[in-house]
Structures are given as structure tokens and as C-alpha cells.
């Protein structure tokens, strides 16, 4: 059974930091491109960051470049999203995604991140 389990969300003040984690099970983790998406209230889900299978390449949405860092540990089957200098616009449910193009597309349940004073 495939499972992606996010953790690390919560309430943080503007300018603060959070680190999201996603634990994968039931998949050959190193074969999957991993991504973080987010969905704010009333908005469509958007891609935040992607990391390739080996971790050699990462890509970010313009809105988070320079503030967020995606990383992975294939031995632990984990993917992380370090979020710094958080803004109120970063408030959303954050989802972990694992994909092999055209074949598999798995999602976690999401973790809430709220940036507010």
C-alpha cells in the first residue's frame, strides 16, 4: 500500500521558518520525482518545488525562490521542504507528491501551514 505522510505544519509568525517532512512507504522511492504542492483557500493547487530522483536538480515556483529549499533522503524515503522567511501568502495546505511521468501519481493527505501574527 502506497502512503505519503506529511508532517511539520503549524502556525508560524511572518518571517519565521518551518520544515515539512514527507515519509514515503510502499514505493521504490528513488524511482520517483518528488514535489511539494500547496492549495490556499479559494485557490487552485499550485506546484511549489520539485526534486529529481537523485536530488541533482530542483525547481521552484517564482514565489518561493530563495526562501524554500526542497531536499530528499533516498535511504530514509523522505522528502523535506525547508521554508524560511514565511509570508502570509504562504498560508495553505501543503501536499507531498510522488510521480513517475505517465505511470504513477501519488499524493499525501496534506499538512496545514498558517502564517499569521
Protein backbone atom coordinates (compact mmCIF):
# COMPACT_ATOMS: atom_id res chain seq x y z
CA UNK A 1 0.00 0.00 0.00
CA UNK A 2 1.39 3.35 -1.07
CA UNK A 3 1.48 6.06 1.55
CA UNK A 4 2.88 9.58 1.62
CA UNK A 5 2.61 11.10 5.09
CA UNK A 6 3.31 14.79 5.59
CA UNK A 7 4.23 16.35 8.91
CA UNK A 8 5.69 19.56 10.28
CA UNK A 9 2.94 22.04 9.51
CA UNK A 10 1.61 24.52 12.03
CA UNK A 11 1.20 28.15 12.96
CA UNK A 12 4.17 30.46 12.50
CA UNK A 13 4.65 34.21 12.57
CA UNK A 14 5.61 36.14 9.44
CA UNK A 15 9.34 35.89 8.90
CA UNK A 16 9.51 32.55 10.67
CA UNK A 17 10.54 29.12 9.46
CA UNK A 18 9.06 25.66 9.22
CA UNK A 19 10.37 22.36 7.93
CA UNK A 20 7.89 19.99 6.32
CA UNK A 21 8.63 16.30 6.05
CA UNK A 22 7.08 13.60 3.90
CA UNK A 23 7.60 9.93 4.68
CA UNK A 24 7.03 7.51 1.81
CA UNK A 25 6.19 3.84 2.02
CA UNK A 26 5.06 1.21 -0.44
CA UNK A 27 7.04 2.64 -3.35
CA UNK A 28 10.55 2.39 -4.75
CA UNK A 29 11.23 5.90 -3.52
CA UNK A 30 14.38 6.50 -5.53
CA UNK A 31 12.44 5.97 -8.76
CA UNK A 32 10.04 8.83 -8.08
CA UNK A 33 10.26 12.52 -8.79
CA UNK A 34 9.07 14.20 -5.60
CA UNK A 35 7.28 17.51 -5.31
CA UNK A 36 5.54 19.77 -2.87
CA UNK A 37 2.31 21.46 -3.86
CA UNK A 38 0.10 23.81 -1.91
CA UNK A 39 -3.50 24.94 -2.01
CA UNK A 40 -4.72 28.11 -0.35
CA UNK A 41 -8.40 28.69 0.43
CA UNK A 42 -10.32 29.54 -2.72
CA UNK A 43 -7.33 28.92 -4.96
CA UNK A 44 -6.15 26.12 -7.20
CA UNK A 45 -3.42 23.75 -6.13
CA UNK A 46 -0.02 25.02 -7.25
CA UNK A 47 3.41 23.48 -7.61
CA UNK A 48 5.86 24.78 -5.02
CA UNK A 49 9.02 22.74 -5.58
CA UNK A 50 10.25 19.62 -7.36
CA UNK A 51 13.30 17.42 -6.90
CA UNK A 52 14.53 14.78 -9.30
CA UNK A 53 15.11 11.13 -8.38
CA UNK A 54 18.74 11.59 -7.36
CA UNK A 55 18.27 15.06 -5.91
CA UNK A 56 20.60 16.54 -8.50
CA UNK A 57 18.05 19.01 -9.83
CA UNK A 58 15.47 21.14 -8.06
CA UNK A 59 12.94 23.62 -9.34
CA UNK A 60 10.86 26.20 -7.53
CA UNK A 61 7.88 28.42 -8.08
CA UNK A 62 8.95 32.03 -8.52
CA UNK A 63 7.03 32.97 -5.39
CA UNK A 64 9.24 30.82 -3.14
CA UNK A 65 12.66 31.01 -4.83
CA UNK A 66 15.35 31.95 -2.38
CA UNK A 67 13.14 31.17 0.61
CA UNK A 68 12.23 27.49 0.29
CA UNK A 69 14.53 24.50 -0.18
CA UNK A 70 13.44 21.01 -1.20
CA UNK A 71 15.64 18.03 -0.37
CA UNK A 72 15.39 14.27 -0.16
CA UNK A 73 16.99 11.30 1.56
CA UNK A 74 16.50 8.20 -0.57
CA UNK A 75 17.85 5.88 2.11
CA UNK A 76 15.18 7.08 4.55
CA UNK A 77 12.49 7.52 1.88
CA UNK A 78 11.96 11.10 2.99
CA UNK A 79 11.47 14.42 1.24
CA UNK A 80 11.67 17.75 3.00
CA UNK A 81 10.66 21.34 2.42
CA UNK A 82 12.56 23.92 4.42
CA UNK A 83 10.57 27.15 4.43
CA UNK A 84 12.20 30.38 5.58
CA UNK A 85 11.07 34.00 5.64
CA UNK A 86 7.47 32.87 5.61
CA UNK A 87 4.77 35.29 4.49
CA UNK A 88 1.03 35.33 4.98
CA UNK A 89 0.67 34.39 1.30
CA UNK A 90 2.36 31.09 2.11
CA UNK A 91 -0.65 30.04 4.18
CA UNK A 92 -2.03 26.88 2.59
CA UNK A 93 -2.37 23.15 2.87
CA UNK A 94 0.89 21.63 1.66
CA UNK A 95 0.85 18.31 -0.17
CA UNK A 96 3.59 15.84 -0.90
CA UNK A 97 3.53 14.27 -4.37
CA UNK A 98 5.42 11.36 -5.82
CA UNK A 99 5.31 10.75 -9.54
CA UNK A 100 6.70 8.82 -12.44
CA UNK A 101 5.51 10.64 -15.55
CA UNK A 102 2.59 8.96 -17.21
CA UNK A 103 2.63 6.00 -14.86
CA UNK A 104 2.22 6.89 -11.19
CA UNK A 105 0.97 9.95 -9.35
CA UNK A 106 0.60 9.64 -5.58
CA UNK A 107 -0.49 12.24 -3.06
CA UNK A 108 -0.35 12.67 0.68
CA UNK A 109 -3.20 13.95 2.84
CA UNK A 110 -1.67 17.38 3.32
CA UNK A 111 -0.45 19.44 6.25
CA UNK A 112 -1.72 22.90 7.16
CA UNK A 113 0.70 25.82 7.26
CA UNK A 114 -0.63 29.06 8.68
CA UNK A 115 1.47 32.21 8.68
CA UNK A 116 -0.05 34.81 10.94
CA UNK A 117 0.84 37.18 13.74
